[in-house]
Amino acid sequence: MAALINATVGWGAALALQLTVFPLVGLHASPGQHSAVSCAFTALSFARMYLLRRLFARLV
């Protein structure tokens, strides 16, 4: 349950940040494009967490 909440909050934070920052730097995207980019960031975050956990599990 905690992982699902963490993923949801992370995705929402990425989306909110994009909606705020993109216009400030002159980037304009549709809602679908914003969703796709924030989902890609979330997927990358999952992959990073998984790989780091596997690495630390091998080292310990």
C-alpha atoms as a PDB file:
ATOM      1  CA  MET A   1       0.000   0.000   0.000  1.00  0.00           C
ATOM      2  CA  ALA A   2       2.833   2.397   0.862  1.00  0.00           C
ATOM      3  CA  ALA A   3       4.466   1.796  -2.532  1.00  0.00           C
ATOM      4  CA  LEU A   4       1.223   2.638  -4.344  1.00  0.00           C
ATOM      5  CA  ILE A   5       0.780   5.840  -2.355  1.00  0.00           C
ATOM      6  CA  ASN A   6       4.435   6.757  -2.932  1.00  0.00           C
ATOM      7  CA  ALA A   7       4.058   6.220  -6.692  1.00  0.00           C
ATOM      8  CA  THR A   8       0.849   8.242  -6.841  1.00  0.00           C
ATOM      9  CA  VAL A   9       2.313  11.140  -4.880  1.00  0.00           C
ATOM     10  CA  GLY A  10       5.505  11.022  -6.981  1.00  0.00           C
ATOM     11  CA  TRP A  11       3.554  11.081 -10.237  1.00  0.00           C
ATOM     12  CA  GLY A  12       1.395  13.962  -8.989  1.00  0.00           C
ATOM     13  CA  ALA A  13       4.465  15.909  -7.884  1.00  0.00           C
ATOM     14  CA  ALA A  14       6.167  15.383 -11.257  1.00  0.00           C
ATOM     15  CA  LEU A  15       3.033  16.502 -13.085  1.00  0.00           C
ATOM     16  CA  ALA A  16       2.574  19.574 -10.881  1.00  0.00           C
ATOM     17  CA  LEU A  17       6.209  20.538 -11.320  1.00  0.00           C
ATOM     18  CA  GLN A  18       5.961  20.233 -15.099  1.00  0.00           C
ATOM     19  CA  LEU A  19       2.791  22.290 -15.223  1.00  0.00           C
ATOM     20  CA  THR A  20       4.607  24.994 -13.248  1.00  0.00           C
ATOM     21  CA  VAL A  21       8.091  24.922 -14.760  1.00  0.00           C
ATOM     22  CA  PHE A  22       7.455  24.204 -18.438  1.00  0.00           C
ATOM     23  CA  PRO A  23       5.694  27.530 -19.131  1.00  0.00           C
ATOM     24  CA  LEU A  24       8.384  29.404 -17.196  1.00  0.00           C
ATOM     25  CA  VAL A  25      11.054  28.126 -19.604  1.00  0.00           C
ATOM     26  CA  GLY A  26       8.951  28.571 -22.727  1.00  0.00           C
ATOM     27  CA  LEU A  27       7.828  24.959 -23.196  1.00  0.00           C
ATOM     28  CA  HIS A  28       4.201  24.326 -24.027  1.00  0.00           C
ATOM     29  CA  ALA A  29       2.696  20.852 -23.919  1.00  0.00           C
ATOM     30  CA  SER A  30      -0.774  19.371 -24.107  1.00  0.00           C
ATOM     31  CA  PRO A  31      -2.257  17.608 -21.070  1.00  0.00           C
ATOM     32  CA  GLY A  32      -1.545  14.269 -22.754  1.00  0.00           C
ATOM     33  CA  GLN A  33       2.080  15.189 -23.314  1.00  0.00           C
ATOM     34  CA  HIS A  34       2.424  16.290 -19.693  1.00  0.00           C
ATOM     35  CA  SER A  35       0.964  12.972 -18.542  1.00  0.00           C
ATOM     36  CA  ALA A  36       3.299  10.978 -20.798  1.00  0.00           C
ATOM     37  CA  VAL A  37       6.398  12.831 -19.598  1.00  0.00           C
ATOM     38  CA  SER A  38       5.456  12.538 -15.916  1.00  0.00           C
ATOM     39  CA  CYS A  39       4.745   8.806 -16.380  1.00  0.00           C
ATOM     40  CA  ALA A  40       8.182   8.405 -17.991  1.00  0.00           C
ATOM     41  CA  PHE A  41       9.808  10.178 -15.022  1.00  0.00           C
ATOM     42  CA  THR A  42       7.881   7.921 -12.626  1.00  0.00           C
ATOM     43  CA  ALA A  43       8.946   4.783 -14.524  1.00  0.00           C
ATOM     44  CA  LEU A  44      12.567   5.935 -14.440  1.00  0.00           C
ATOM     45  CA  SER A  45      12.267   6.528 -10.703  1.00  0.00           C
ATOM     46  CA  PHE A  46      10.938   2.980 -10.187  1.00  0.00           C
ATOM     47  CA  ALA A  47      13.781   1.536 -12.248  1.00  0.00           C
ATOM     48  CA  ARG A  48      16.344   3.559 -10.298  1.00  0.00           C
ATOM     49  CA  MET A  49      14.922   2.438  -6.947  1.00  0.00           C
ATOM     50  CA  TYR A  50      14.831  -1.208  -8.053  1.00  0.00           C
ATOM     51  CA  LEU A  51      18.403  -1.202  -9.377  1.00  0.00           C
ATOM     52  CA  LEU A  52      19.790   0.548  -6.307  1.00  0.00           C
ATOM     53  CA  ARG A  53      18.013  -1.883  -3.973  1.00  0.00           C
ATOM     54  CA  ARG A  54      19.453  -4.839  -5.921  1.00  0.00           C
ATOM     55  CA  LEU A  55      22.918  -3.289  -5.818  1.00  0.00           C
ATOM     56  CA  PHE A  56      22.820  -2.651  -2.072  1.00  0.00           C
ATOM     57  CA  ALA A  57      21.387  -6.127  -1.433  1.00  0.00           C
ATOM     58  CA  ARG A  58      24.430  -7.635  -3.184  1.00  0.00           C
ATOM     59  CA  LEU A  59      26.871  -5.416  -1.313  1.00  0.00           C
ATOM     60  CA  VAL A  60      25.444  -6.126   2.138  1.00  0.00           C
END
